[in-house]
Amino acid sequence: MEISLAKTTQIQSVISFFGHYLSRDNPAIYSDEFLCPLGIKAAILRKQIVVAIVDNQLIGAYRFYPKKTQGHISLYQFAISEKYRGQGLLKMMLQTVHESPITSLCPIDCNLNEYYRKSGWRLHEKTKGFYVWIF
């Protein structure tokens, strides 16, 4: 398995991957920005998307933003291939940027909060309709 920053040659693959796993029907998608191909491309160019590859297949990806003034990294969006879920892949991938605390927002009424609870994230606060999780 190779875990690394996404390369510009992977832009279309990452756009397709997120397009396959993220949709407006998902309650964890609280902003259309998550679905914007231009935003994904820009994040890759800024070196803010990490990918996991097995046998030349993209199996996981996440987008992050360093928040220098706040001293943490914001996990903006992520997706893991069904076959690799429940194996701690996101945690392994997060190690690539784990020099600071990583925070993630999740709508309060979303079932993805259960994922955060079960996978070792710590609930930091409740704010404006979201739970803020820290890894």
N, C-alpha and C. Protein backbone atom coordinates (compact mmCIF):
# COMPACT_ATOMS: atom_id res chain seq x y z
N MET A 1 0.85 -1.17 0.00
CA MET A 1 0.00 0.00 0.00
C MET A 1 0.89 1.23 0.00
N GLU A 2 0.53 2.19 -0.82
CA GLU A 2 1.24 3.47 -0.87
C GLU A 2 0.30 4.57 -0.39
N ILE A 3 0.75 5.32 0.62
CA ILE A 3 -0.01 6.46 1.12
C ILE A 3 0.85 7.69 0.88
N SER A 4 0.30 8.66 0.15
CA SER A 4 1.09 9.84 -0.19
C SER A 4 0.17 11.00 -0.56
N LEU A 5 0.78 12.17 -0.69
CA LEU A 5 0.03 13.30 -1.23
C LEU A 5 -0.37 12.97 -2.66
N ALA A 6 -1.56 13.38 -3.04
CA ALA A 6 -2.03 13.14 -4.42
C ALA A 6 -1.14 13.93 -5.39
N LYS A 7 -0.89 13.31 -6.51
CA LYS A 7 -0.08 13.94 -7.55
C LYS A 7 -1.01 14.56 -8.60
N THR A 8 -0.49 15.53 -9.33
CA THR A 8 -1.30 16.18 -10.36
C THR A 8 -1.78 15.18 -11.41
N THR A 9 -1.04 14.11 -11.62
CA THR A 9 -1.46 13.08 -12.59
C THR A 9 -2.67 12.29 -12.08
N GLN A 10 -3.01 12.44 -10.81
CA GLN A 10 -4.13 11.70 -10.21
C GLN A 10 -5.39 12.55 -10.08
N ILE A 11 -5.38 13.76 -10.59
CA ILE A 11 -6.53 14.66 -10.41
C ILE A 11 -7.83 14.00 -10.84
N GLN A 12 -7.89 13.48 -12.05
CA GLN A 12 -9.14 12.87 -12.54
C GLN A 12 -9.54 11.65 -11.72
N SER A 13 -8.57 10.85 -11.30
CA SER A 13 -8.87 9.67 -10.48
C SER A 13 -9.48 10.07 -9.15
N VAL A 14 -8.92 11.10 -8.53
CA VAL A 14 -9.43 11.55 -7.23
C VAL A 14 -10.82 12.16 -7.39
N ILE A 15 -11.03 12.95 -8.42
CA ILE A 15 -12.35 13.52 -8.68
C ILE A 15 -13.37 12.40 -8.87
N SER A 16 -13.02 11.40 -9.64
CA SER A 16 -13.93 10.26 -9.88
C SER A 16 -14.19 9.49 -8.59
N PHE A 17 -13.14 9.27 -7.81
CA PHE A 17 -13.27 8.53 -6.55
C PHE A 17 -14.23 9.23 -5.60
N PHE A 18 -14.00 10.54 -5.37
CA PHE A 18 -14.91 11.28 -4.50
C PHE A 18 -16.32 11.31 -5.10
N GLY A 19 -16.41 11.44 -6.41
CA GLY A 19 -17.72 11.45 -7.06
C GLY A 19 -18.48 10.16 -6.86
N HIS A 20 -17.75 9.05 -6.79
CA HIS A 20 -18.38 7.74 -6.58
C HIS A 20 -18.86 7.57 -5.14
N TYR A 21 -18.08 8.05 -4.17
CA TYR A 21 -18.38 7.79 -2.77
C TYR A 21 -19.10 8.92 -2.03
N LEU A 22 -19.08 10.12 -2.58
CA LEU A 22 -19.73 11.25 -1.91
C LEU A 22 -20.87 11.76 -2.78
N SER A 23 -22.04 11.94 -2.19
CA SER A 23 -23.18 12.45 -2.95
C SER A 23 -24.01 13.38 -2.06
N ARG A 24 -24.84 14.15 -2.70
CA ARG A 24 -25.72 15.07 -1.97
C ARG A 24 -26.69 14.33 -1.05
N ASP A 25 -26.94 13.05 -1.32
CA ASP A 25 -27.86 12.26 -0.49
C ASP A 25 -27.26 11.90 0.86
N ASN A 26 -25.96 12.04 1.01
CA ASN A 26 -25.27 11.67 2.23
C ASN A 26 -25.40 12.81 3.24
N PRO A 27 -25.97 12.57 4.42
CA PRO A 27 -26.14 13.65 5.40
C PRO A 27 -24.83 14.23 5.92
N ALA A 28 -23.70 13.54 5.72
CA ALA A 28 -22.41 14.07 6.14
C ALA A 28 -21.91 15.14 5.17
N ILE A 29 -22.51 15.22 3.99
CA ILE A 29 -22.14 16.23 3.00
C ILE A 29 -22.98 17.47 3.27
N TYR A 30 -22.43 18.38 4.03
CA TYR A 30 -23.18 19.58 4.43
C TYR A 30 -22.82 20.80 3.60
N SER A 31 -21.93 20.63 2.62
CA SER A 31 -21.56 21.75 1.75
C SER A 31 -21.34 21.23 0.33
N ASP A 32 -21.83 21.97 -0.66
CA ASP A 32 -21.60 21.58 -2.06
C ASP A 32 -20.12 21.63 -2.42
N GLU A 33 -19.34 22.31 -1.61
CA GLU A 33 -17.90 22.38 -1.84
C GLU A 33 -17.26 20.99 -1.85
N PHE A 34 -17.82 20.07 -1.07
CA PHE A 34 -17.29 18.70 -1.03
C PHE A 34 -17.36 18.03 -2.39
N LEU A 35 -18.30 18.46 -3.22
CA LEU A 35 -18.57 17.80 -4.49
C LEU A 35 -17.98 18.55 -5.68
N CYS A 36 -17.31 19.64 -5.45
CA CYS A 36 -16.81 20.49 -6.53
C CYS A 36 -15.50 19.96 -7.10
N PRO A 37 -15.50 19.54 -8.38
CA PRO A 37 -14.27 19.03 -8.99
C PRO A 37 -13.15 20.07 -9.02
N LEU A 38 -13.49 21.33 -9.20
CA LEU A 38 -12.45 22.37 -9.23
C LEU A 38 -11.80 22.53 -7.86
N GLY A 39 -12.58 22.37 -6.80
CA GLY A 39 -12.02 22.43 -5.45
C GLY A 39 -11.07 21.28 -5.18
N ILE A 40 -11.43 20.10 -5.68
CA ILE A 40 -10.56 18.93 -5.51
C ILE A 40 -9.25 19.15 -6.27
N LYS A 41 -9.37 19.64 -7.50
CA LYS A 41 -8.17 19.92 -8.30
C LYS A 41 -7.28 20.94 -7.60
N ALA A 42 -7.88 22.01 -7.10
CA ALA A 42 -7.11 23.05 -6.41
C ALA A 42 -6.43 22.49 -5.16
N ALA A 43 -7.12 21.63 -4.43
CA ALA A 43 -6.54 21.02 -3.23
C ALA A 43 -5.34 20.14 -3.58
N ILE A 44 -5.43 19.42 -4.67
CA ILE A 44 -4.29 18.60 -5.11
C ILE A 44 -3.11 19.50 -5.46
N LEU A 45 -3.38 20.58 -6.16
CA LEU A 45 -2.31 21.50 -6.54
C LEU A 45 -1.67 22.16 -5.30
N ARG A 46 -2.47 22.35 -4.22
CA ARG A 46 -1.94 22.91 -2.97
C ARG A 46 -1.33 21.84 -2.07
N LYS A 47 -1.34 20.59 -2.55
CA LYS A 47 -0.81 19.45 -1.76
C LYS A 47 -1.61 19.25 -0.48
N GLN A 48 -2.96 19.23 -0.64
CA GLN A 48 -3.84 19.07 0.50
C GLN A 48 -4.82 17.90 0.32
N ILE A 49 -4.42 16.92 -0.48
CA ILE A 49 -5.18 15.67 -0.58
C ILE A 49 -4.19 14.52 -0.45
N VAL A 50 -4.53 13.58 0.42
CA VAL A 50 -3.73 12.38 0.62
C VAL A 50 -4.52 11.21 0.04
N VAL A 51 -3.80 10.31 -0.63
CA VAL A 51 -4.44 9.15 -1.24
C VAL A 51 -3.76 7.86 -0.76
N ALA A 52 -4.52 6.78 -0.81
CA ALA A 52 -3.99 5.44 -0.55
C ALA A 52 -4.22 4.62 -1.81
N ILE A 53 -3.18 3.96 -2.26
CA ILE A 53 -3.20 3.18 -3.50
C ILE A 53 -2.79 1.75 -3.20
N VAL A 54 -3.54 0.79 -3.74
CA VAL A 54 -3.18 -0.63 -3.69
C VAL A 54 -3.33 -1.17 -5.10
N ASP A 55 -2.28 -1.82 -5.60
CA ASP A 55 -2.31 -2.39 -6.95
C ASP A 55 -2.80 -1.38 -7.99
N ASN A 56 -2.27 -0.18 -7.92
CA ASN A 56 -2.61 0.91 -8.84
C ASN A 56 -4.07 1.34 -8.77
N GLN A 57 -4.77 0.98 -7.71
CA GLN A 57 -6.17 1.37 -7.51
C GLN A 57 -6.27 2.32 -6.33
N LEU A 58 -6.98 3.41 -6.51
CA LEU A 58 -7.24 4.35 -5.43
C LEU A 58 -8.26 3.72 -4.48
N ILE A 59 -7.89 3.58 -3.21
CA ILE A 59 -8.78 2.93 -2.24
C ILE A 59 -9.21 3.88 -1.12
N GLY A 60 -8.56 5.04 -1.03
CA GLY A 60 -8.91 6.00 -0.01
C GLY A 60 -8.35 7.37 -0.35
N ALA A 61 -9.04 8.40 0.09
CA ALA A 61 -8.57 9.77 -0.14
C ALA A 61 -9.17 10.67 0.91
N TYR A 62 -8.40 11.68 1.29
CA TYR A 62 -8.96 12.72 2.15
C TYR A 62 -8.37 14.06 1.78
N ARG A 63 -9.15 15.08 2.07
CA ARG A 63 -8.78 16.47 1.81
C ARG A 63 -8.66 17.17 3.15
N PHE A 64 -7.62 17.97 3.31
CA PHE A 64 -7.38 18.64 4.58
C PHE A 64 -6.93 20.08 4.35
N TYR A 65 -7.09 20.87 5.40
CA TYR A 65 -6.62 22.26 5.39
C TYR A 65 -5.85 22.52 6.67
N PRO A 66 -4.60 22.95 6.55
CA PRO A 66 -3.87 23.37 7.75
C PRO A 66 -4.43 24.72 8.22
N LYS A 67 -4.77 24.82 9.47
CA LYS A 67 -5.27 26.08 10.05
C LYS A 67 -4.17 26.62 10.95
N LYS A 68 -3.24 27.31 10.33
CA LYS A 68 -2.03 27.75 11.03
C LYS A 68 -2.34 28.65 12.22
N THR A 69 -3.30 29.54 12.10
CA THR A 69 -3.60 30.45 13.20
C THR A 69 -4.24 29.72 14.38
N GLN A 70 -4.90 28.58 14.10
CA GLN A 70 -5.54 27.82 15.16
C GLN A 70 -4.70 26.64 15.62
N GLY A 71 -3.61 26.35 14.91
CA GLY A 71 -2.70 25.28 15.33
C GLY A 71 -3.22 23.88 15.13
N HIS A 72 -4.13 23.68 14.19
CA HIS A 72 -4.60 22.34 13.91
C HIS A 72 -4.84 22.16 12.41
N ILE A 73 -5.17 20.95 12.06
CA ILE A 73 -5.49 20.61 10.68
C ILE A 73 -6.95 20.23 10.63
N SER A 74 -7.65 20.72 9.63
CA SER A 74 -9.07 20.41 9.47
C SER A 74 -9.23 19.32 8.41
N LEU A 75 -9.83 18.20 8.81
CA LEU A 75 -10.17 17.14 7.86
C LEU A 75 -11.43 17.60 7.15
N TYR A 76 -11.33 17.83 5.87
CA TYR A 76 -12.42 18.46 5.14
C TYR A 76 -13.37 17.44 4.53
N GLN A 77 -12.83 16.41 3.92
CA GLN A 77 -13.66 15.35 3.37
C GLN A 77 -12.81 14.11 3.24
N PHE A 78 -13.46 12.94 3.28
CA PHE A 78 -12.72 11.69 3.07
C PHE A 78 -13.66 10.63 2.52
N ALA A 79 -13.05 9.66 1.88
CA ALA A 79 -13.80 8.50 1.38
C ALA A 79 -12.86 7.30 1.38
N ILE A 80 -13.42 6.16 1.72
CA ILE A 80 -12.68 4.89 1.74
C ILE A 80 -13.48 3.88 0.93
N SER A 81 -12.81 3.14 0.08
CA SER A 81 -13.45 2.09 -0.70
C SER A 81 -14.10 1.07 0.24
N GLU A 82 -15.27 0.57 -0.14
CA GLU A 82 -16.01 -0.36 0.74
C GLU A 82 -15.15 -1.51 1.24
N LYS A 83 -14.35 -2.08 0.37
CA LYS A 83 -13.53 -3.24 0.70
C LYS A 83 -12.54 -2.95 1.83
N TYR A 84 -12.16 -1.70 2.01
CA TYR A 84 -11.13 -1.35 2.98
C TYR A 84 -11.68 -0.65 4.22
N ARG A 85 -12.99 -0.55 4.34
CA ARG A 85 -13.58 0.08 5.52
C ARG A 85 -13.47 -0.84 6.72
N GLY A 86 -13.41 -0.25 7.91
CA GLY A 86 -13.34 -1.04 9.14
C GLY A 86 -11.96 -1.60 9.42
N GLN A 87 -10.95 -1.15 8.68
CA GLN A 87 -9.59 -1.67 8.85
C GLN A 87 -8.61 -0.61 9.35
N GLY A 88 -9.12 0.56 9.72
CA GLY A 88 -8.25 1.61 10.24
C GLY A 88 -7.47 2.36 9.16
N LEU A 89 -7.94 2.28 7.91
CA LEU A 89 -7.21 2.93 6.83
C LEU A 89 -7.13 4.44 7.00
N LEU A 90 -8.23 5.08 7.37
CA LEU A 90 -8.18 6.54 7.54
C LEU A 90 -7.15 6.92 8.59
N LYS A 91 -7.10 6.20 9.71
CA LYS A 91 -6.11 6.49 10.74
C LYS A 91 -4.69 6.38 10.20
N MET A 92 -4.42 5.34 9.42
CA MET A 92 -3.10 5.19 8.82
C MET A 92 -2.80 6.37 7.89
N MET A 93 -3.79 6.77 7.12
CA MET A 93 -3.60 7.87 6.19
C MET A 93 -3.38 9.19 6.92
N LEU A 94 -4.07 9.39 8.04
CA LEU A 94 -3.94 10.64 8.79
C LEU A 94 -2.55 10.81 9.39
N GLN A 95 -1.82 9.71 9.56
CA GLN A 95 -0.47 9.81 10.11
C GLN A 95 0.44 10.68 9.23
N THR A 96 0.09 10.85 7.97
CA THR A 96 0.92 11.65 7.06
C THR A 96 0.88 13.14 7.39
N VAL A 97 -0.14 13.60 8.10
CA VAL A 97 -0.24 15.03 8.46
C VAL A 97 -0.44 15.22 9.96
N HIS A 98 -0.10 14.23 10.74
CA HIS A 98 -0.47 14.24 12.16
C HIS A 98 0.50 15.00 13.05
N GLU A 99 1.18 16.02 12.54
CA GLU A 99 2.04 16.81 13.42
C GLU A 99 1.22 17.76 14.30
N SER A 100 -0.02 17.95 13.99
CA SER A 100 -0.93 18.82 14.75
C SER A 100 -2.22 18.04 15.01
N PRO A 101 -3.02 18.52 15.97
CA PRO A 101 -4.34 17.89 16.13
C PRO A 101 -5.15 18.02 14.83
N ILE A 102 -5.94 17.02 14.56
CA ILE A 102 -6.80 17.02 13.37
C ILE A 102 -8.23 17.13 13.85
N THR A 103 -8.97 18.09 13.31
CA THR A 103 -10.37 18.25 13.68
C THR A 103 -11.26 17.95 12.48
N SER A 104 -12.47 17.52 12.78
CA SER A 104 -13.45 17.25 11.73
C SER A 104 -14.83 17.63 12.23
N LEU A 105 -15.60 18.29 11.37
CA LEU A 105 -16.98 18.64 11.69
C LEU A 105 -17.91 17.55 11.16
N CYS A 106 -18.96 17.28 11.92
CA CYS A 106 -19.98 16.34 11.47
C CYS A 106 -21.34 16.85 11.96
N PRO A 107 -22.33 16.95 11.06
CA PRO A 107 -23.65 17.38 11.51
C PRO A 107 -24.14 16.52 12.69
N ILE A 108 -24.74 17.16 13.66
CA ILE A 108 -25.14 16.49 14.90
C ILE A 108 -26.05 15.29 14.64
N ASP A 109 -26.96 15.41 13.68
CA ASP A 109 -27.93 14.33 13.44
C ASP A 109 -27.45 13.29 12.43
N CYS A 110 -26.16 13.29 12.11
CA CYS A 110 -25.62 12.38 11.09
C CYS A 110 -25.09 11.10 11.72
N ASN A 111 -25.36 9.96 11.08
CA ASN A 111 -24.89 8.69 11.62
C ASN A 111 -23.37 8.50 11.50
N LEU A 112 -22.68 9.38 10.77
CA LEU A 112 -21.22 9.30 10.69
C LEU A 112 -20.57 9.59 12.04
N ASN A 113 -21.29 10.26 12.93
CA ASN A 113 -20.76 10.50 14.27
C ASN A 113 -20.42 9.19 14.97
N GLU A 114 -21.17 8.15 14.69
CA GLU A 114 -20.89 6.84 15.28
C GLU A 114 -19.53 6.31 14.82
N TYR A 115 -19.18 6.57 13.57
CA TYR A 115 -17.84 6.20 13.07
C TYR A 115 -16.77 6.89 13.92
N TYR A 116 -16.92 8.19 14.13
CA TYR A 116 -15.93 8.93 14.91
C TYR A 116 -15.82 8.35 16.33
N ARG A 117 -16.96 8.07 16.95
CA ARG A 117 -16.96 7.51 18.31
C ARG A 117 -16.21 6.18 18.35
N LYS A 118 -16.55 5.29 17.43
CA LYS A 118 -15.99 3.93 17.43
C LYS A 118 -14.53 3.89 17.02
N SER A 119 -14.08 4.88 16.27
CA SER A 119 -12.70 4.79 15.75
C SER A 119 -11.70 5.64 16.52
N GLY A 120 -12.07 6.06 17.72
CA GLY A 120 -11.10 6.69 18.61
C GLY A 120 -10.97 8.20 18.53
N TRP A 121 -11.83 8.86 17.78
CA TRP A 121 -11.82 10.32 17.79
C TRP A 121 -12.41 10.78 19.11
N ARG A 122 -12.03 11.95 19.57
CA ARG A 122 -12.54 12.51 20.82
C ARG A 122 -13.48 13.66 20.48
N LEU A 123 -14.67 13.63 21.08
CA LEU A 123 -15.63 14.72 20.89
C LEU A 123 -15.10 15.95 21.62
N HIS A 124 -14.87 17.01 20.86
CA HIS A 124 -14.29 18.23 21.43
C HIS A 124 -15.37 19.22 21.86
N GLU A 125 -16.34 19.45 20.96
CA GLU A 125 -17.40 20.39 21.29
C GLU A 125 -18.57 20.23 20.33
N LYS A 126 -19.65 20.88 20.71
CA LYS A 126 -20.86 20.96 19.89
C LYS A 126 -21.04 22.42 19.54
N THR A 127 -21.12 22.74 18.23
CA THR A 127 -21.20 24.13 17.83
C THR A 127 -22.01 24.30 16.55
N LYS A 128 -22.96 25.17 16.55
CA LYS A 128 -23.73 25.55 15.37
C LYS A 128 -24.22 24.35 14.55
N GLY A 129 -24.79 23.37 15.20
CA GLY A 129 -25.35 22.22 14.50
C GLY A 129 -24.36 21.13 14.16
N PHE A 130 -23.13 21.23 14.65
CA PHE A 130 -22.08 20.24 14.35
C PHE A 130 -21.43 19.75 15.63
N TYR A 131 -20.95 18.51 15.56
CA TYR A 131 -20.00 18.03 16.55
C TYR A 131 -18.63 18.28 15.95
N VAL A 132 -17.69 18.68 16.80
CA VAL A 132 -16.30 18.86 16.39
C VAL A 132 -15.52 17.72 17.03
N TRP A 133 -14.92 16.89 16.19
CA TRP A 133 -14.15 15.73 16.63
C TRP A 133 -12.66 16.02 16.48
N ILE A 134 -11.85 15.47 17.39
CA ILE A 134 -10.40 15.65 17.35
C ILE A 134 -9.72 14.28 17.32
N PHE A 135 -8.71 14.19 16.47
CA PHE A 135 -7.88 12.97 16.38
C PHE A 135 -6.47 13.34 16.76
